[in-house]
Protein backbone atom coordinates (compact mmCIF):
# COMPACT_ATOMS: atom_id res chain seq x y z
CA MET A 1 116.35 50.34 50.15
CA ASP A 2 114.46 52.15 47.42
CA LEU A 3 116.12 55.00 45.19
CA GLU A 4 115.15 57.85 46.98
CA THR A 5 116.27 56.75 50.55
CA PHE A 6 119.57 55.47 48.98
CA THR A 7 120.27 58.87 47.26
CA GLU A 8 119.21 61.07 50.36
CA SER A 9 121.21 58.30 53.07
CA ASN A 10 124.39 59.02 50.89
CA ALA A 11 124.34 62.50 49.92
CA PRO A 12 126.70 64.82 51.19
CA GLU A 13 126.65 66.26 54.51
CA GLU A 14 126.45 70.42 55.12
CA GLY A 15 129.29 71.83 56.82
CA GLY A 16 131.52 74.78 57.33
CA GLU A 17 134.91 73.28 57.72
CA GLN A 18 137.09 73.18 55.03
CA PHE A 19 138.20 69.46 55.66
CA GLN A 20 135.12 67.53 56.44
CA LYS A 21 134.91 63.46 56.68
CA GLU A 22 132.21 62.48 54.33
CA ASN A 23 133.06 58.85 55.56
CA ASN A 24 135.98 57.64 56.90
CA ARG A 25 137.41 57.05 53.35
CA LEU A 26 136.33 59.78 51.44
CA LEU A 27 137.25 63.46 52.12
CA ASP A 28 134.85 66.83 51.23
CA VAL A 29 137.48 69.71 50.79
CA HIS A 30 135.71 73.06 51.09
CA VAL A 31 137.62 74.84 48.23
CA ASP A 32 137.80 78.52 48.66
CA GLY A 33 141.27 80.05 47.37
CA THR A 34 143.81 77.23 47.08
CA VAL A 35 144.46 74.13 48.66
CA MET A 36 146.93 71.04 48.32
CA VAL A 37 145.70 67.49 47.43
CA LYS A 38 147.34 64.47 46.22
CA ALA A 39 147.64 64.34 42.68
CA GLY A 40 145.51 61.89 41.44
CA SER A 41 143.16 61.92 44.12
CA MET A 42 139.99 63.68 43.10
CA ILE A 43 136.84 61.83 42.36
CA GLY A 44 134.21 64.49 42.13
CA TYR A 45 133.84 68.37 42.43
CA THR A 46 130.88 70.97 42.39
CA GLY A 47 131.66 74.66 41.59
CA ASP A 48 134.56 76.27 39.28
CA ILE A 49 137.89 74.34 40.82
CA THR A 50 141.18 74.25 38.60
CA PHE A 51 143.72 71.94 39.07
CA THR A 52 147.85 72.73 38.76
CA GLY A 53 150.35 69.90 39.42
CA LYS A 54 153.08 70.83 41.61
CA SER A 55 156.05 68.09 41.48
CA SER A 56 159.31 69.97 40.98
CA ALA A 57 160.95 73.11 41.77
CA GLU A 58 160.23 74.36 38.69
CA GLY A 59 156.74 74.46 39.44
CA GLY A 60 157.46 77.49 41.57
CA ILE A 61 156.81 75.85 44.99
CA THR A 62 159.81 75.84 47.65
CA GLY A 63 161.18 72.40 49.18
CA PHE A 64 159.56 70.14 45.97
CA LEU A 65 162.43 67.77 44.84
CA LYS A 66 163.11 67.23 41.13
CA GLU A 67 162.02 64.16 39.52
CA ALA A 68 165.33 63.64 38.37
CA VAL A 69 166.77 63.33 42.18
CA THR A 70 164.00 60.78 43.50
CA ASN A 71 162.56 59.33 40.07
CA GLU A 72 159.28 59.32 42.20
CA GLY A 73 158.90 62.50 44.19
CA THR A 74 155.57 63.10 45.84
CA PRO A 75 153.05 64.07 43.57
CA VAL A 76 150.39 66.69 44.80
CA MET A 77 148.35 69.14 43.04
CA GLU A 78 147.11 72.87 44.12
CA ALA A 79 143.33 73.31 43.92
CA GLU A 80 142.41 76.58 43.11
CA GLY A 81 138.81 78.31 42.81
CA SER A 82 135.62 77.59 45.04
CA GLY A 83 133.07 74.71 45.37
CA HIS A 84 133.02 71.21 46.79
CA LEU A 85 136.31 69.00 46.03
CA TYR A 86 136.14 65.03 47.20
CA VAL A 87 139.00 63.04 47.31
CA ALA A 88 139.94 59.62 48.19
CA ASP A 89 143.03 57.55 47.86
CA ARG A 90 142.45 53.51 47.48
CA GLY A 91 140.23 52.85 50.42
CA LYS A 92 142.71 54.10 52.61
CA LYS A 93 140.94 55.64 56.01
CA ILE A 94 141.53 59.03 56.46
CA GLN A 95 143.06 61.25 60.02
CA ILE A 96 142.24 64.97 60.01
CA LEU A 97 145.43 66.57 62.41
CA ASP A 98 145.49 70.30 63.41
CA LEU A 99 148.77 71.50 63.97
CA ASP A 100 149.65 74.21 66.27
CA GLU A 101 151.90 77.41 65.25
CA GLY A 102 155.06 75.91 64.93
CA GLU A 103 154.30 72.13 65.51
CA SER A 104 155.42 69.76 62.89
CA ILE A 105 154.88 66.40 61.64
CA SER A 106 156.90 64.12 59.12
CA VAL A 107 154.46 62.24 56.87
CA ASN A 108 155.46 59.19 54.43
CA GLY A 109 154.95 60.98 51.11
CA ASP A 110 152.50 58.37 49.69
CA ASP A 111 150.15 59.00 53.04
CA ILE A 112 149.48 62.66 52.42
CA LEU A 113 146.20 63.47 51.12
CA ALA A 114 145.89 67.33 51.86
CA PHE A 115 146.94 70.40 53.35
CA GLU A 116 145.73 73.59 53.96
CA SER A 117 147.86 75.97 51.73
CA ALA A 118 148.97 78.01 55.01
CA ILE A 119 150.93 75.12 55.86
CA GLU A 120 154.53 75.43 55.27
CA TYR A 121 156.45 72.09 53.73
CA GLU A 122 159.18 70.63 52.31
CA ILE A 123 159.79 67.33 50.53
CA SER A 124 163.08 65.33 51.10
CA THR A 125 164.35 61.94 50.82
CA ILE A 126 165.22 60.09 53.99
CA SER A 127 168.80 59.87 54.87
CA GLY A 128 170.14 56.52 54.65
CA LEU A 129 166.99 54.38 53.05
CA SER A 130 168.12 52.33 50.25
CA GLU A 131 166.09 51.22 47.43
CA ALA A 132 165.79 48.14 48.99
CA ALA A 133 163.13 49.65 51.55
CA SER A 134 160.45 50.41 49.12
CA GLY A 135 158.12 52.88 51.28
CA GLY A 136 159.40 55.93 52.61
CA LEU A 137 161.38 57.29 49.91
CA THR A 138 160.36 60.58 49.93
CA ASN A 139 158.91 62.22 53.39
CA VAL A 140 156.92 65.76 53.51
CA TYR A 141 157.78 67.71 56.28
CA LEU A 142 154.95 69.75 57.48
CA THR A 143 154.56 72.92 60.19
CA GLY A 144 151.29 74.83 61.13
CA PRO A 145 149.25 76.29 62.05
CA GLY A 146 146.78 74.74 59.92
CA GLN A 147 145.22 71.07 59.29
CA VAL A 148 146.59 68.27 57.40
CA VAL A 149 144.81 65.30 56.10
CA ILE A 150 147.08 61.67 55.99
CA LEU A 151 146.06 58.23 55.46
CA THR A 152 146.36 55.34 56.60
CA HIS A 153 145.23 51.35 55.85
CA GLY A 154 143.05 50.73 58.55
CA ASP A 155 143.23 52.12 62.02
CA PRO A 156 146.82 53.79 63.27
CA LEU A 157 148.98 52.35 66.03
CA VAL A 158 151.01 55.75 67.56
CA VAL A 159 154.03 54.53 69.68
CA THR A 160 156.38 56.07 71.78
CA PRO A 161 160.00 55.32 70.87
CA PRO A 162 162.72 53.38 71.29
CA VAL A 163 160.97 51.82 68.83
CA PHE A 164 161.53 49.48 65.40
CA THR A 165 159.24 49.35 62.68
CA ASP A 166 158.97 48.13 58.98
CA PRO A 167 159.47 51.00 56.50
CA ASP A 168 156.46 49.99 54.45
CA ALA A 169 154.21 50.43 57.25
CA THR A 170 155.78 53.50 58.80
CA VAL A 171 152.92 56.46 58.28
CA ALA A 172 154.30 59.61 60.28
CA TRP A 173 156.76 60.81 62.79
CA SER A 174 157.01 63.65 64.97
CA THR A 175 160.00 65.60 63.60
CA ASN A 176 161.96 65.76 67.02
CA LEU A 177 162.76 62.21 65.85
CA SER A 178 165.27 61.15 63.21
CA PRO A 179 165.08 57.67 62.21
CA SER A 180 168.17 55.72 61.24
CA PHE A 181 168.26 51.95 59.18
CA ALA A 182 169.05 49.06 60.79
CA THR A 183 169.26 45.65 58.99
CA ASN A 184 168.57 42.21 60.07
CA LYS A 185 171.36 40.94 62.43
CA LYS A 186 171.32 37.32 61.69
CA PHE A 187 171.99 35.92 57.85
CA GLU A 188 169.30 34.21 56.62
CA ILE A 189 169.50 31.08 54.45
CA GLY A 190 166.74 29.99 52.22
CA GLN A 191 163.45 31.23 53.51
CA THR A 192 163.61 35.00 54.60
CA SER A 193 161.82 36.23 56.89
CA GLY A 194 160.85 39.44 55.03
CA GLU A 195 162.10 41.83 57.53
CA GLY A 196 165.66 42.63 56.54
CA ILE A 197 165.30 46.69 56.85
CA GLN A 198 163.99 48.42 59.98
CA MET A 199 163.62 51.85 60.95
CA GLU A 200 165.02 52.82 63.93
CA PHE A 201 163.36 55.80 66.57
CA THR A 202 165.46 56.00 69.58
CA GLY A 203 164.87 58.56 72.74
CA SER A 204 162.18 58.45 74.99
CA GLU A 205 159.77 61.53 73.69
CA GLY A 206 157.69 62.45 70.15
CA PHE A 207 155.62 59.59 68.33
CA VAL A 208 155.32 56.92 65.32
CA VAL A 209 152.03 56.54 63.23
CA ILE A 210 152.20 52.61 62.31
CA GLN A 211 149.57 50.88 59.97
CA PRO A 212 148.16 47.23 59.66
CA HIS A 213 149.89 47.13 56.15
CA GLU A 214 152.64 47.26 54.07
CA GLU A 215 153.14 49.62 51.25
CA LYS A 216 154.56 47.93 48.47
């Protein structure tokens, strides 16, 4: 492939959507005002855009936990201005979701990439999850209308409860579900299974998003 063909075939595509995939792992955010994106996810931008970290209640954004409470939190930043912002995170796949008025989803804090500023959101710890389960310490509760961009390692699987999942592989679930946590009932000696803690989703409605990868 010559240089001209390479540059032309990999150039950004024109589009009018605020969130547009350049490929399965790179998001083009058309910034015209403000938008929320995961802190550290910027790989490039054009135009005039400024970034402000929003990681605590003192930052002026309702619903964010203080770092003293979580030790980890869910760092996001507000991008403001005009131009095109290119974001990605560790080569994870991008899933763009449209939330209707009043429609909500709960997402693992590590799996949020971006969401429109009109989205209502709150970040809190998941009740009952101990430090032994590394994934999903904090979750983001988002309510539409608007678009939300989440991340998955590989292609996601969406299942209907009742279901047990690995916390490290659980990406998101519908907010009508309230997961509880169960421990492996069998006492293991010597080589363990590595499946000591599971999330339990009960009922027969709603959905749970899992991925073929465990976030450690």
